[in-house]
């Protein structure tokens, strides 16, 4: 491996899809905002180690997972209620919006 583990490399999103749960629970404007953050390497509510792993994954072609609050005015832990996940597959064929309980 070369480079710093914290170095972000732009990556393709592939086909963008969403689960029924996300479509029903998350306003489309919020989905667009979170996708823009995911695309630029702002991983949201993930721990420092997972953020570093995501940065590595952008360079090495591994799966990338971001976590965001559905409603920013309420607490979100990166899992559980009020949480939206975005996962880009390792092969970059697809990026999926899903709720943690849909995983």
PDB file of N, CA and C in Angstrom:
ATOM      1  N   UNK A   1       0.849  -1.185   0.000  1.00  0.00           N
ATOM      2  CA  UNK A   1       0.000   0.000   0.000  1.00  0.00           C
ATOM      3  C   UNK A   1       0.883   1.231   0.000  1.00  0.00           C
ATOM      4  N   UNK A   2       0.486   2.212  -0.792  1.00  0.00           N
ATOM      5  CA  UNK A   2       1.210   3.473  -0.815  1.00  0.00           C
ATOM      6  C   UNK A   2       0.304   4.576  -0.336  1.00  0.00           C
ATOM      7  N   UNK A   3       0.904   5.633   0.180  1.00  0.00           N
ATOM      8  CA  UNK A   3       0.126   6.793   0.599  1.00  0.00           C
ATOM      9  C   UNK A   3      -0.392   6.680   2.015  1.00  0.00           C
ATOM     10  N   UNK A   4      -0.884   7.775   2.494  1.00  0.00           N
ATOM     11  CA  UNK A   4      -1.448   7.900   3.833  1.00  0.00           C
ATOM     12  C   UNK A   4      -2.849   7.303   3.851  1.00  0.00           C
ATOM     13  N   UNK A   5      -3.154   6.545   4.905  1.00  0.00           N
ATOM     14  CA  UNK A   5      -4.470   5.912   5.016  1.00  0.00           C
ATOM     15  C   UNK A   5      -5.594   6.946   5.034  1.00  0.00           C
ATOM     16  N   UNK A   6      -5.300   8.185   5.388  1.00  0.00           N
ATOM     17  CA  UNK A   6      -6.318   9.226   5.457  1.00  0.00           C
ATOM     18  C   UNK A   6      -6.504   9.971   4.146  1.00  0.00           C
ATOM     19  N   UNK A   7      -5.809   9.574   3.099  1.00  0.00           N
ATOM     20  CA  UNK A   7      -5.930  10.227   1.806  1.00  0.00           C
ATOM     21  C   UNK A   7      -7.157   9.721   1.070  1.00  0.00           C
ATOM     22  N   UNK A   8      -7.997  10.644   0.651  1.00  0.00           N
ATOM     23  CA  UNK A   8      -9.214  10.338  -0.089  1.00  0.00           C
ATOM     24  C   UNK A   8      -8.922  10.403  -1.580  1.00  0.00           C
ATOM     25  N   UNK A   9      -9.474   9.467  -2.342  1.00  0.00           N
ATOM     26  CA  UNK A   9      -9.382   9.462  -3.794  1.00  0.00           C
ATOM     27  C   UNK A   9     -10.799   9.437  -4.360  1.00  0.00           C
ATOM     28  N   UNK A  10     -11.143  10.342  -5.280  1.00  0.00           N
ATOM     29  CA  UNK A  10     -12.489  10.303  -5.880  1.00  0.00           C
ATOM     30  C   UNK A  10     -12.784   8.927  -6.470  1.00  0.00           C
ATOM     31  N   UNK A  11     -14.061   8.542  -6.440  1.00  0.00           N
ATOM     32  CA  UNK A  11     -14.456   7.208  -6.881  1.00  0.00           C
ATOM     33  C   UNK A  11     -15.788   7.280  -7.615  1.00  0.00           C
ATOM     34  N   UNK A  12     -16.025   6.354  -8.557  1.00  0.00           N
ATOM     35  CA  UNK A  12     -17.317   6.320  -9.253  1.00  0.00           C
ATOM     36  C   UNK A  12     -18.400   5.742  -8.345  1.00  0.00           C
ATOM     37  N   UNK A  13     -19.631   6.199  -8.541  1.00  0.00           N
ATOM     38  CA  UNK A  13     -20.755   5.740  -7.727  1.00  0.00           C
ATOM     39  C   UNK A  13     -21.500   4.578  -8.362  1.00  0.00           C
ATOM     40  N   UNK A  14     -21.374   4.378  -9.652  1.00  0.00           N
ATOM     41  CA  UNK A  14     -22.146   3.350 -10.334  1.00  0.00           C
ATOM     42  C   UNK A  14     -23.621   3.714 -10.367  1.00  0.00           C
ATOM     43  N   UNK A  15     -24.477   2.712 -10.471  1.00  0.00           N
ATOM     44  CA  UNK A  15     -25.920   2.946 -10.461  1.00  0.00           C
ATOM     45  C   UNK A  15     -26.340   3.331  -9.046  1.00  0.00           C
ATOM     46  N   UNK A  16     -27.155   4.368  -8.921  1.00  0.00           N
ATOM     47  CA  UNK A  16     -27.614   4.834  -7.609  1.00  0.00           C
ATOM     48  C   UNK A  16     -29.023   4.304  -7.375  1.00  0.00           C
ATOM     49  N   UNK A  17     -29.187   3.561  -6.272  1.00  0.00           N
ATOM     50  CA  UNK A  17     -30.469   2.948  -5.941  1.00  0.00           C
ATOM     51  C   UNK A  17     -30.801   3.218  -4.476  1.00  0.00           C
ATOM     52  N   UNK A  18     -32.082   3.055  -4.133  1.00  0.00           N
ATOM     53  CA  UNK A  18     -32.535   3.254  -2.757  1.00  0.00           C
ATOM     54  C   UNK A  18     -33.562   2.199  -2.399  1.00  0.00           C
ATOM     55  N   UNK A  19     -33.532   1.780  -1.148  1.00  0.00           N
ATOM     56  CA  UNK A  19     -34.524   0.828  -0.669  1.00  0.00           C
ATOM     57  C   UNK A  19     -35.856   1.542  -0.459  1.00  0.00           C
ATOM     58  N   UNK A  20     -36.905   0.760  -0.375  1.00  0.00           N
ATOM     59  CA  UNK A  20     -38.240   1.310  -0.130  1.00  0.00           C
ATOM     60  C   UNK A  20     -38.272   2.084   1.199  1.00  0.00           C
ATOM     61  N   UNK A  21     -37.588   1.561   2.214  1.00  0.00           N
ATOM     62  CA  UNK A  21     -37.562   2.231   3.512  1.00  0.00           C
ATOM     63  C   UNK A  21     -36.994   3.633   3.431  1.00  0.00           C
ATOM     64  N   UNK A  22     -35.929   3.805   2.683  1.00  0.00           N
ATOM     65  CA  UNK A  22     -35.329   5.130   2.515  1.00  0.00           C
ATOM     66  C   UNK A  22     -36.260   6.038   1.727  1.00  0.00           C
ATOM     67  N   UNK A  23     -36.826   5.525   0.674  1.00  0.00           N
ATOM     68  CA  UNK A  23     -37.730   6.338  -0.152  1.00  0.00           C
ATOM     69  C   UNK A  23     -38.894   6.860   0.683  1.00  0.00           C
ATOM     70  N   UNK A  24     -39.385   6.039   1.611  1.00  0.00           N
ATOM     71  CA  UNK A  24     -40.502   6.447   2.464  1.00  0.00           C
ATOM     72  C   UNK A  24     -40.085   7.353   3.611  1.00  0.00           C
ATOM     73  N   UNK A  25     -38.834   7.247   4.090  1.00  0.00           N
ATOM     74  CA  UNK A  25     -38.417   7.952   5.310  1.00  0.00           C
ATOM     75  C   UNK A  25     -37.567   9.194   5.094  1.00  0.00           C
ATOM     76  N   UNK A  26     -36.946   9.318   3.930  1.00  0.00           N
ATOM     77  CA  UNK A  26     -35.953  10.380   3.739  1.00  0.00           C
ATOM     78  C   UNK A  26     -36.370  11.279   2.582  1.00  0.00           C
ATOM     79  N   UNK A  27     -36.490  12.583   2.835  1.00  0.00           N
ATOM     80  CA  UNK A  27     -36.806  13.508   1.740  1.00  0.00           C
ATOM     81  C   UNK A  27     -35.723  13.455   0.653  1.00  0.00           C
ATOM     82  N   UNK A  28     -36.138  13.590  -0.590  1.00  0.00           N
ATOM     83  CA  UNK A  28     -35.190  13.482  -1.701  1.00  0.00           C
ATOM     84  C   UNK A  28     -34.086  14.532  -1.620  1.00  0.00           C
ATOM     85  N   UNK A  29     -34.391  15.724  -1.121  1.00  0.00           N
ATOM     86  CA  UNK A  29     -33.357  16.759  -0.980  1.00  0.00           C
ATOM     87  C   UNK A  29     -32.284  16.313   0.020  1.00  0.00           C
ATOM     88  N   UNK A  30     -32.703  15.639   1.091  1.00  0.00           N
ATOM     89  CA  UNK A  30     -31.744  15.139   2.084  1.00  0.00           C
ATOM     90  C   UNK A  30     -30.906  14.019   1.475  1.00  0.00           C
ATOM     91  N   UNK A  31     -31.523  13.169   0.688  1.00  0.00           N
ATOM     92  CA  UNK A  31     -30.769  12.111   0.018  1.00  0.00           C
ATOM     93  C   UNK A  31     -29.698  12.707  -0.891  1.00  0.00           C
ATOM     94  N   UNK A  32     -30.064  13.730  -1.648  1.00  0.00           N
ATOM     95  CA  UNK A  32     -29.107  14.379  -2.563  1.00  0.00           C
ATOM     96  C   UNK A  32     -27.958  15.008  -1.783  1.00  0.00           C
ATOM     97  N   UNK A  33     -28.273  15.652  -0.660  1.00  0.00           N
ATOM     98  CA  UNK A  33     -27.232  16.272   0.176  1.00  0.00           C
ATOM     99  C   UNK A  33     -26.270  15.214   0.722  1.00  0.00           C
ATOM    100  N   UNK A  34     -26.814  14.118   1.218  1.00  0.00           N
ATOM    101  CA  UNK A  34     -25.965  13.056   1.766  1.00  0.00           C
ATOM    102  C   UNK A  34     -25.118  12.403   0.681  1.00  0.00           C
ATOM    103  N   UNK A  35     -25.695  12.199  -0.499  1.00  0.00           N
ATOM    104  CA  UNK A  35     -24.931  11.617  -1.595  1.00  0.00           C
ATOM    105  C   UNK A  35     -23.771  12.526  -1.998  1.00  0.00           C
ATOM    106  N   UNK A  36     -23.999  13.824  -2.013  1.00  0.00           N
ATOM    107  CA  UNK A  36     -22.921  14.771  -2.333  1.00  0.00           C
ATOM    108  C   UNK A  36     -21.800  14.675  -1.294  1.00  0.00           C
ATOM    109  N   UNK A  37     -22.157  14.545  -0.035  1.00  0.00           N
ATOM    110  CA  UNK A  37     -21.156  14.395   1.029  1.00  0.00           C
ATOM    111  C   UNK A  37     -20.385  13.092   0.856  1.00  0.00           C
ATOM    112  N   UNK A  38     -21.093  12.002   0.601  1.00  0.00           N
ATOM    113  CA  UNK A  38     -20.469  10.685   0.386  1.00  0.00           C
ATOM    114  C   UNK A  38     -19.476  10.762  -0.769  1.00  0.00           C
ATOM    115  N   UNK A  39     -19.897  11.378  -1.845  1.00  0.00           N
ATOM    116  CA  UNK A  39     -19.064  11.476  -3.052  1.00  0.00           C
ATOM    117  C   UNK A  39     -17.764  12.249  -2.805  1.00  0.00           C
ATOM    118  N   UNK A  40     -17.822  13.245  -1.914  1.00  0.00           N
ATOM    119  CA  UNK A  40     -16.612  14.047  -1.661  1.00  0.00           C
ATOM    120  C   UNK A  40     -15.799  13.568  -0.455  1.00  0.00           C
ATOM    121  N   UNK A  41     -16.196  12.423   0.128  1.00  0.00           N
ATOM    122  CA  UNK A  41     -15.400  11.853   1.212  1.00  0.00           C
ATOM    123  C   UNK A  41     -15.744  12.365   2.591  1.00  0.00           C
ATOM    124  N   UNK A  42     -16.915  12.943   2.751  1.00  0.00           N
ATOM    125  CA  UNK A  42     -17.418  13.318   4.077  1.00  0.00           C
ATOM    126  C   UNK A  42     -18.312  12.160   4.504  1.00  0.00           C
ATOM    127  N   UNK A  43     -17.784  11.278   5.344  1.00  0.00           N
ATOM    128  CA  UNK A  43     -18.433  10.011   5.665  1.00  0.00           C
ATOM    129  C   UNK A  43     -19.513  10.120   6.728  1.00  0.00           C
ATOM    130  N   UNK A  44     -19.766  11.307   7.244  1.00  0.00           N
ATOM    131  CA  UNK A  44     -20.851  11.495   8.197  1.00  0.00           C
ATOM    132  C   UNK A  44     -20.534  10.957   9.573  1.00  0.00           C
ATOM    133  N   UNK A  45     -21.474  10.193  10.131  1.00  0.00           N
ATOM    134  CA  UNK A  45     -21.393   9.715  11.519  1.00  0.00           C
ATOM    135  C   UNK A  45     -20.731   8.348  11.622  1.00  0.00           C
ATOM    136  N   UNK A  46     -19.526   8.234  11.105  1.00  0.00           N
ATOM    137  CA  UNK A  46     -18.753   7.012  11.307  1.00  0.00           C
ATOM    138  C   UNK A  46     -17.573   7.349  12.212  1.00  0.00           C
ATOM    139  N   UNK A  47     -17.060   6.339  12.915  1.00  0.00           N
ATOM    140  CA  UNK A  47     -15.924   6.573  13.811  1.00  0.00           C
ATOM    141  C   UNK A  47     -14.670   6.906  13.003  1.00  0.00           C
ATOM    142  N   UNK A  48     -13.676   7.416  13.687  1.00  0.00           N
ATOM    143  CA  UNK A  48     -12.419   7.823  13.051  1.00  0.00           C
ATOM    144  C   UNK A  48     -11.766   6.664  12.287  1.00  0.00           C
ATOM    145  N   UNK A  49     -11.806   5.472  12.877  1.00  0.00           N
ATOM    146  CA  UNK A  49     -11.201   4.297  12.232  1.00  0.00           C
ATOM    147  C   UNK A  49     -11.956   3.926  10.957  1.00  0.00           C
ATOM    148  N   UNK A  50     -13.283   3.984  10.997  1.00  0.00           N
ATOM    149  CA  UNK A  50     -14.065   3.665   9.805  1.00  0.00           C
ATOM    150  C   UNK A  50     -13.878   4.720   8.711  1.00  0.00           C
ATOM    151  N   UNK A  51     -13.721   5.978   9.113  1.00  0.00           N
ATOM    152  CA  UNK A  51     -13.450   7.031   8.133  1.00  0.00           C
ATOM    153  C   UNK A  51     -12.112   6.780   7.437  1.00  0.00           C
ATOM    154  N   UNK A  52     -11.096   6.402   8.216  1.00  0.00           N
ATOM    155  CA  UNK A  52      -9.784   6.092   7.631  1.00  0.00           C
ATOM    156  C   UNK A  52      -9.886   4.881   6.707  1.00  0.00           C
ATOM    157  N   UNK A  53     -10.673   3.879   7.106  1.00  0.00           N
ATOM    158  CA  UNK A  53     -10.873   2.693   6.263  1.00  0.00           C
ATOM    159  C   UNK A  53     -11.584   3.070   4.964  1.00  0.00           C
ATOM    160  N   UNK A  54     -12.577   3.968   5.039  1.00  0.00           N
ATOM    161  CA  UNK A  54     -13.238   4.438   3.820  1.00  0.00           C
ATOM    162  C   UNK A  54     -12.257   5.127   2.892  1.00  0.00           C
ATOM    163  N   UNK A  55     -11.396   5.971   3.451  1.00  0.00           N
ATOM    164  CA  UNK A  55     -10.397   6.651   2.621  1.00  0.00           C
ATOM    165  C   UNK A  55      -9.499   5.643   1.917  1.00  0.00           C
ATOM    166  N   UNK A  56      -9.058   4.628   2.656  1.00  0.00           N
ATOM    167  CA  UNK A  56      -8.257   3.561   2.064  1.00  0.00           C
ATOM    168  C   UNK A  56      -9.063   2.854   0.963  1.00  0.00           C
ATOM    169  N   UNK A  57     -10.331   2.597   1.250  1.00  0.00           N
ATOM    170  CA  UNK A  57     -11.194   1.889   0.300  1.00  0.00           C
ATOM    171  C   UNK A  57     -11.379   2.652  -1.005  1.00  0.00           C
ATOM    172  N   UNK A  58     -11.320   3.989  -0.948  1.00  0.00           N
ATOM    173  CA  UNK A  58     -11.439   4.768  -2.187  1.00  0.00           C
ATOM    174  C   UNK A  58     -10.258   4.511  -3.106  1.00  0.00           C
ATOM    175  N   UNK A  59      -9.117   4.211  -2.529  1.00  0.00           N
ATOM    176  CA  UNK A  59      -7.910   3.956  -3.324  1.00  0.00           C
ATOM    177  C   UNK A  59      -7.745   2.495  -3.704  1.00  0.00           C
ATOM    178  N   UNK A  60      -8.168   1.610  -2.827  1.00  0.00           N
ATOM    179  CA  UNK A  60      -7.901   0.186  -3.016  1.00  0.00           C
ATOM    180  C   UNK A  60      -9.076  -0.592  -3.605  1.00  0.00           C
ATOM    181  N   UNK A  61     -10.217   0.058  -3.791  1.00  0.00           N
ATOM    182  CA  UNK A  61     -11.352  -0.605  -4.416  1.00  0.00           C
ATOM    183  C   UNK A  61     -12.158  -1.491  -3.487  1.00  0.00           C
ATOM    184  N   UNK A  62     -12.266  -1.100  -2.217  1.00  0.00           N
ATOM    185  CA  UNK A  62     -13.099  -1.831  -1.263  1.00  0.00           C
ATOM    186  C   UNK A  62     -14.433  -1.116  -1.100  1.00  0.00           C
ATOM    187  N   UNK A  63     -15.375  -1.756  -0.419  1.00  0.00           N
ATOM    188  CA  UNK A  63     -16.690  -1.170  -0.164  1.00  0.00           C
ATOM    189  C   UNK A  63     -16.554   0.071   0.730  1.00  0.00           C
ATOM    190  N   UNK A  64     -17.412   1.062   0.486  1.00  0.00           N
ATOM    191  CA  UNK A  64     -17.400   2.326   1.230  1.00  0.00           C
ATOM    192  C   UNK A  64     -18.763   2.498   1.882  1.00  0.00           C
ATOM    193  N   UNK A  65     -18.785   2.813   3.183  1.00  0.00           N
ATOM    194  CA  UNK A  65     -20.039   3.016   3.904  1.00  0.00           C
ATOM    195  C   UNK A  65     -20.016   4.354   4.628  1.00  0.00           C
ATOM    196  N   UNK A  66     -21.034   5.175   4.365  1.00  0.00           N
ATOM    197  CA  UNK A  66     -21.235   6.444   5.067  1.00  0.00           C
ATOM    198  C   UNK A  66     -22.519   6.349   5.875  1.00  0.00           C
ATOM    199  N   UNK A  67     -22.601   7.135   6.940  1.00  0.00           N
ATOM    200  CA  UNK A  67     -23.799   7.162   7.791  1.00  0.00           C
ATOM    201  C   UNK A  67     -24.158   8.610   8.097  1.00  0.00           C
ATOM    202  N   UNK A  68     -25.426   8.959   7.928  1.00  0.00           N
ATOM    203  CA  UNK A  68     -25.880  10.334   8.130  1.00  0.00           C
ATOM    204  C   UNK A  68     -27.188  10.342   8.914  1.00  0.00           C
ATOM    205  N   UNK A  69     -27.426  11.422   9.626  1.00  0.00           N
ATOM    206  CA  UNK A  69     -28.715  11.613  10.288  1.00  0.00           C
ATOM    207  C   UNK A  69     -29.769  11.884   9.222  1.00  0.00           C
ATOM    208  N   UNK A  70     -30.921  11.266   9.362  1.00  0.00           N
ATOM    209  CA  UNK A  70     -32.032  11.566   8.456  1.00  0.00           C
ATOM    210  C   UNK A  70     -32.524  12.978   8.751  1.00  0.00           C
ATOM    211  N   UNK A  71     -32.727  13.265  10.026  1.00  0.00           N
ATOM    212  CA  UNK A  71     -33.138  14.593  10.491  1.00  0.00           C
ATOM    213  C   UNK A  71     -31.982  15.161  11.303  1.00  0.00           C
ATOM    214  N   UNK A  72     -31.312  16.165  10.758  1.00  0.00           N
ATOM    215  CA  UNK A  72     -30.122  16.721  11.409  1.00  0.00           C
ATOM    216  C   UNK A  72     -30.406  17.396  12.747  1.00  0.00           C
ATOM    217  N   UNK A  73     -31.659  17.700  13.034  1.00  0.00           N
ATOM    218  CA  UNK A  73     -31.988  18.343  14.310  1.00  0.00           C
ATOM    219  C   UNK A  73     -32.090  17.333  15.449  1.00  0.00           C
ATOM    220  N   UNK A  74     -31.996  16.039  15.123  1.00  0.00           N
ATOM    221  CA  UNK A  74     -32.087  14.978  16.125  1.00  0.00           C
ATOM    222  C   UNK A  74     -30.770  14.212  16.179  1.00  0.00           C
ATOM    223  N   UNK A  75     -30.469  13.606  17.328  1.00  0.00           N
ATOM    224  CA  UNK A  75     -29.220  12.842  17.437  1.00  0.00           C
ATOM    225  C   UNK A  75     -29.203  11.626  16.516  1.00  0.00           C
ATOM    226  N   UNK A  76     -28.021  11.273  16.063  1.00  0.00           N
ATOM    227  CA  UNK A  76     -27.816  10.077  15.244  1.00  0.00           C
ATOM    228  C   UNK A  76     -26.454   9.500  15.601  1.00  0.00           C
ATOM    229  N   UNK A  77     -26.388   8.186  15.727  1.00  0.00           N
ATOM    230  CA  UNK A  77     -25.155   7.516  16.151  1.00  0.00           C
ATOM    231  C   UNK A  77     -24.398   6.846  15.006  1.00  0.00           C
ATOM    232  N   UNK A  78     -24.940   6.834  13.821  1.00  0.00           N
ATOM    233  CA  UNK A  78     -24.321   6.083  12.735  1.00  0.00           C
ATOM    234  C   UNK A  78     -24.988   4.741  12.534  1.00  0.00           C
ATOM    235  N   UNK A  79     -25.940   4.434  13.407  1.00  0.00           N
ATOM    236  CA  UNK A  79     -26.738   3.209  13.300  1.00  0.00           C
ATOM    237  C   UNK A  79     -28.034   3.446  14.071  1.00  0.00           C
ATOM    238  N   UNK A  80     -28.997   2.577  13.908  1.00  0.00           N
ATOM    239  CA  UNK A  80     -30.250   2.700  14.643  1.00  0.00           C
ATOM    240  C   UNK A  80     -31.179   3.756  14.063  1.00  0.00           C
ATOM    241  N   UNK A  81     -32.033   4.299  14.926  1.00  0.00           N
ATOM    242  CA  UNK A  81     -33.018   5.284  14.490  1.00  0.00           C
ATOM    243  C   UNK A  81     -32.351   6.551  13.966  1.00  0.00           C
ATOM    244  N   UNK A  82     -33.058   7.237  13.108  1.00  0.00           N
ATOM    245  CA  UNK A  82     -32.613   8.508  12.524  1.00  0.00           C
ATOM    246  C   UNK A  82     -31.300   8.372  11.763  1.00  0.00           C
ATOM    247  N   UNK A  83     -31.083   7.231  11.176  1.00  0.00           N
ATOM    248  CA  UNK A  83     -29.829   7.015  10.458  1.00  0.00           C
ATOM    249  C   UNK A  83     -30.086   6.500   9.046  1.00  0.00           C
ATOM    250  N   UNK A  84     -29.323   7.024   8.121  1.00  0.00           N
ATOM    251  CA  UNK A  84     -29.322   6.640   6.718  1.00  0.00           C
ATOM    252  C   UNK A  84     -27.916   6.167   6.375  1.00  0.00           C
ATOM    253  N   UNK A  85     -27.809   5.028   5.734  1.00  0.00           N
ATOM    254  CA  UNK A  85     -26.518   4.545   5.251  1.00  0.00           C
ATOM    255  C   UNK A  85     -26.465   4.697   3.744  1.00  0.00           C
ATOM    256  N   UNK A  86     -25.256   4.971   3.249  1.00  0.00           N
ATOM    257  CA  UNK A  86     -24.980   4.932   1.814  1.00  0.00           C
ATOM    258  C   UNK A  86     -23.779   4.010   1.640  1.00  0.00           C
ATOM    259  N   UNK A  87     -23.952   2.997   0.810  1.00  0.00           N
ATOM    260  CA  UNK A  87     -22.886   2.025   0.563  1.00  0.00           C
ATOM    261  C   UNK A  87     -22.558   2.011  -0.920  1.00  0.00           C
ATOM    262  N   UNK A  88     -21.277   2.219  -1.237  1.00  0.00           N
ATOM    263  CA  UNK A  88     -20.794   2.041  -2.602  1.00  0.00           C
ATOM    264  C   UNK A  88     -20.067   0.702  -2.649  1.00  0.00           C
ATOM    265  N   UNK A  89     -20.488  -0.148  -3.573  1.00  0.00           N
ATOM    266  CA  UNK A  89     -19.925  -1.491  -3.684  1.00  0.00           C
ATOM    267  C   UNK A  89     -18.458  -1.438  -4.097  1.00  0.00           C
ATOM    268  N   UNK A  90     -17.740  -2.481  -3.731  1.00  0.00           N
ATOM    269  CA  UNK A  90     -16.309  -2.558  -4.021  1.00  0.00           C
ATOM    270  C   UNK A  90     -16.017  -2.446  -5.513  1.00  0.00           C
ATOM    271  N   UNK A  91     -16.872  -3.041  -6.341  1.00  0.00           N
ATOM    272  CA  UNK A  91     -16.633  -2.983  -7.785  1.00  0.00           C
ATOM    273  C   UNK A  91     -17.161  -1.692  -8.423  1.00  0.00           C
ATOM    274  N   UNK A  92     -17.718  -0.821  -7.590  1.00  0.00           N
ATOM    275  CA  UNK A  92     -18.244   0.500  -8.005  1.00  0.00           C
ATOM    276  C   UNK A  92     -19.410   0.376  -8.992  1.00  0.00           C
ATOM    277  N   UNK A  93     -20.081  -0.762  -8.985  1.00  0.00           N
ATOM    278  CA  UNK A  93     -21.225  -0.953  -9.874  1.00  0.00           C
ATOM    279  C   UNK A  93     -22.476  -0.256  -9.357  1.00  0.00           C
ATOM    280  N   UNK A  94     -22.553  -0.034  -8.038  1.00  0.00           N
ATOM    281  CA  UNK A  94     -23.760   0.561  -7.468  1.00  0.00           C
ATOM    282  C   UNK A  94     -23.461   1.261  -6.154  1.00  0.00           C
ATOM    283  N   UNK A  95     -24.277   2.274  -5.887  1.00  0.00           N
ATOM    284  CA  UNK A  95     -24.298   2.950  -4.596  1.00  0.00           C
ATOM    285  C   UNK A  95     -25.734   2.870  -4.112  1.00  0.00           C
ATOM    286  N   UNK A  96     -25.902   2.356  -2.886  1.00  0.00           N
ATOM    287  CA  UNK A  96     -27.234   2.083  -2.352  1.00  0.00           C
ATOM    288  C   UNK A  96     -27.512   2.914  -1.107  1.00  0.00           C
ATOM    289  N   UNK A  97     -28.690   3.554  -1.086  1.00  0.00           N
ATOM    290  CA  UNK A  97     -29.219   4.194   0.115  1.00  0.00           C
ATOM    291  C   UNK A  97     -30.023   3.128   0.851  1.00  0.00           C
ATOM    292  N   UNK A  98     -29.785   2.956   2.146  1.00  0.00           N
ATOM    293  CA  UNK A  98     -30.574   2.017   2.934  1.00  0.00           C
ATOM    294  C   UNK A  98     -30.600   2.431   4.384  1.00  0.00           C
ATOM    295  N   UNK A  99     -31.578   1.923   5.099  1.00  0.00           N
ATOM    296  CA  UNK A  99     -31.657   2.112   6.539  1.00  0.00           C
ATOM    297  C   UNK A  99     -30.879   0.983   7.195  1.00  0.00           C
ATOM    298  N   UNK A 100     -30.255   1.230   8.341  1.00  0.00           N
ATOM    299  CA  UNK A 100     -29.451   0.158   8.982  1.00  0.00           C
ATOM    300  C   UNK A 100     -30.208  -1.135   9.188  1.00  0.00           C
ATOM    301  N   UNK A 101     -31.504  -1.074   9.525  1.00  0.00           N
ATOM    302  CA  UNK A 101     -32.252  -2.314   9.748  1.00  0.00           C
ATOM    303  C   UNK A 101     -32.619  -3.028   8.450  1.00  0.00           C
ATOM    304  N   UNK A 102     -32.288  -2.446   7.317  1.00  0.00           N
ATOM    305  CA  UNK A 102     -32.515  -3.095   6.025  1.00  0.00           C
ATOM    306  C   UNK A 102     -31.267  -3.825   5.524  1.00  0.00           C
ATOM    307  N   UNK A 103     -30.169  -3.715   6.268  1.00  0.00           N
ATOM    308  CA  UNK A 103     -28.903  -4.319   5.847  1.00  0.00           C
ATOM    309  C   UNK A 103     -28.963  -5.825   5.967  1.00  0.00           C
TER     310      UNK A 103
END
